[in-house]
């Protein structure tokens, strides 16, 4: 048995996001200018994979207007009736077109994935969090 994990900490004063991935789907980082990056630094294997795992963290700038989407593979591996996966490219397109300030953004993403599945039962659980830094949050 194993579990994937993403652990992140946000330094508001320094406007830096530190993170470590343990086999988790790389998060999507949408910059304030609309560009999209993936936080792909793999810190190590999933938790429980091996007792001797060593994990490495990474950091990135996280400025006002940036948003990071962390989600499980229940989104990317959701399948339509023909067996095609929703995939990472559809999530990327969604994030590039999204308004990170929209409070219904995650609900919209879930609805799009469920529509893609075309009534098929979900093959995995889905969990997501969206973190964005707004001007009024910095002081």
Protein backbone atom coordinates (compact mmCIF):
# COMPACT_ATOMS: atom_id res chain seq x y z
CA UNK A 1 0.00 0.00 0.00
CA UNK A 2 1.27 3.47 -0.84
CA UNK A 3 -0.01 7.03 -1.07
CA UNK A 4 1.08 10.01 -3.13
CA UNK A 5 1.57 13.36 -1.44
CA UNK A 6 2.28 16.97 -2.19
CA UNK A 7 3.35 19.13 0.73
CA UNK A 8 3.70 22.85 0.20
CA UNK A 9 4.38 25.92 2.27
CA UNK A 10 3.84 29.49 1.17
CA UNK A 11 6.07 32.29 2.40
CA UNK A 12 3.82 35.34 2.03
CA UNK A 13 6.54 37.86 2.85
CA UNK A 14 9.10 36.33 0.49
CA UNK A 15 6.47 35.38 -2.10
CA UNK A 16 7.93 31.86 -2.45
CA UNK A 17 6.24 28.49 -2.60
CA UNK A 18 8.25 25.54 -1.31
CA UNK A 19 7.02 22.05 -2.11
CA UNK A 20 7.93 18.40 -2.12
CA UNK A 21 6.22 15.74 -4.22
CA UNK A 22 6.03 12.11 -3.23
CA UNK A 23 4.82 10.51 -6.46
CA UNK A 24 1.95 13.00 -6.77
CA UNK A 25 0.62 14.51 -10.02
CA UNK A 26 2.74 17.62 -10.73
CA UNK A 27 0.70 20.71 -9.77
CA UNK A 28 -0.29 23.33 -12.33
CA UNK A 29 1.04 26.83 -11.63
CA UNK A 30 -0.76 29.59 -13.50
CA UNK A 31 1.17 32.81 -13.40
CA UNK A 32 -0.52 36.20 -13.18
CA UNK A 33 0.38 36.79 -16.86
CA UNK A 34 -1.58 33.66 -17.87
CA UNK A 35 1.43 31.45 -18.57
CA UNK A 36 1.33 27.91 -17.19
CA UNK A 37 4.08 25.91 -15.51
CA UNK A 38 4.18 22.47 -13.92
CA UNK A 39 5.85 21.90 -10.57
CA UNK A 40 7.59 18.79 -11.81
CA UNK A 41 10.47 18.43 -9.36
CA UNK A 42 9.92 14.92 -8.06
CA UNK A 43 10.88 14.87 -4.41
CA UNK A 44 10.78 11.10 -4.15
CA UNK A 45 8.62 8.01 -4.50
CA UNK A 46 5.11 7.63 -3.09
CA UNK A 47 4.95 7.27 0.68
CA UNK A 48 5.14 3.64 1.75
CA UNK A 49 6.98 2.59 -1.41
CA UNK A 50 10.27 2.07 0.41
CA UNK A 51 11.50 2.72 3.92
CA UNK A 52 14.75 4.28 2.70
CA UNK A 53 13.27 7.01 0.53
CA UNK A 54 14.94 10.40 0.47
CA UNK A 55 12.84 13.41 -0.51
CA UNK A 56 14.04 16.67 -2.06
CA UNK A 57 12.09 19.90 -2.01
CA UNK A 58 11.99 22.70 -4.55
CA UNK A 59 10.89 26.34 -4.45
CA UNK A 60 9.38 28.74 -6.93
CA UNK A 61 8.29 32.35 -6.91
CA UNK A 62 4.62 32.82 -6.03
CA UNK A 63 3.46 36.35 -6.69
CA UNK A 64 0.19 38.21 -6.48
CA UNK A 65 -2.11 36.87 -9.21
CA UNK A 66 -0.47 33.43 -9.33
CA UNK A 67 -2.53 30.31 -8.65
CA UNK A 68 -1.55 26.69 -8.09
CA UNK A 69 -3.86 23.74 -8.71
CA UNK A 70 -3.09 20.52 -6.85
CA UNK A 71 -5.18 17.52 -7.81
CA UNK A 72 -5.20 13.75 -7.65
CA UNK A 73 -4.97 11.38 -10.57
CA UNK A 74 -8.71 10.81 -10.30
CA UNK A 75 -8.98 13.87 -12.55
CA UNK A 76 -6.29 13.03 -15.09
CA UNK A 77 -7.17 9.33 -15.28
CA UNK A 78 -10.94 9.79 -15.59
CA UNK A 79 -12.05 7.93 -18.72
CA UNK A 80 -14.81 8.44 -21.26
CA UNK A 81 -16.97 5.50 -22.46
CA UNK A 82 -14.38 4.71 -25.19
CA UNK A 83 -11.59 4.51 -22.59
CA UNK A 84 -9.85 7.79 -23.47
CA UNK A 85 -8.36 9.51 -20.42
CA UNK A 86 -9.19 13.09 -19.51
CA UNK A 87 -5.45 13.63 -19.24
CA UNK A 88 -3.09 16.34 -18.18
CA UNK A 89 -3.44 18.39 -21.38
CA UNK A 90 -7.14 19.05 -20.73
CA UNK A 91 -6.33 20.18 -17.19
CA UNK A 92 -3.61 22.47 -18.57
CA UNK A 93 -6.02 24.00 -21.10
CA UNK A 94 -8.61 24.49 -18.36
CA UNK A 95 -6.07 26.30 -16.16
CA UNK A 96 -4.87 28.52 -19.00
CA UNK A 97 -8.43 29.65 -19.70
CA UNK A 98 -9.54 29.87 -16.06
CA UNK A 99 -10.05 32.89 -13.88
CA UNK A 100 -8.19 31.88 -10.68
CA UNK A 101 -10.36 34.30 -8.70
CA UNK A 102 -13.55 32.44 -9.63
CA UNK A 103 -14.89 30.79 -6.44
CA UNK A 104 -16.65 28.12 -8.54
CA UNK A 105 -13.53 27.11 -10.48
CA UNK A 106 -13.08 23.68 -8.89
CA UNK A 107 -16.79 22.89 -9.23
CA UNK A 108 -16.55 23.74 -12.93
CA UNK A 109 -13.56 21.44 -13.35
CA UNK A 110 -15.33 18.56 -11.60
CA UNK A 111 -18.41 19.09 -13.78
CA UNK A 112 -16.27 19.06 -16.95
CA UNK A 113 -14.59 15.81 -15.91
CA UNK A 114 -17.92 14.19 -15.02
CA UNK A 115 -19.37 15.29 -18.39
CA UNK A 116 -16.31 13.80 -20.12
CA UNK A 117 -16.96 10.47 -18.35
CA UNK A 118 -20.34 10.38 -20.08
CA UNK A 119 -22.18 8.75 -17.20
CA UNK A 120 -19.53 6.10 -16.58
CA UNK A 121 -18.84 5.47 -12.89
CA UNK A 122 -15.68 7.16 -11.59
CA UNK A 123 -12.67 4.85 -11.54
CA UNK A 124 -10.93 6.70 -8.71
CA UNK A 125 -11.52 9.35 -6.07
CA UNK A 126 -10.98 13.00 -6.96
CA UNK A 127 -9.54 15.64 -4.68
CA UNK A 128 -8.26 19.12 -5.57
CA UNK A 129 -7.24 22.40 -4.01
CA UNK A 130 -6.63 25.74 -5.68
CA UNK A 131 -4.44 28.30 -3.97
CA UNK A 132 -4.18 31.82 -5.32
CA UNK A 133 -2.48 34.91 -3.98
CA UNK A 134 -4.56 38.07 -4.20
CA UNK A 135 -3.50 41.63 -3.58
CA UNK A 136 -5.61 41.98 -0.42
CA UNK A 137 -3.94 38.86 1.08
CA UNK A 138 -0.49 40.46 1.10
CA UNK A 139 -1.22 43.31 3.28
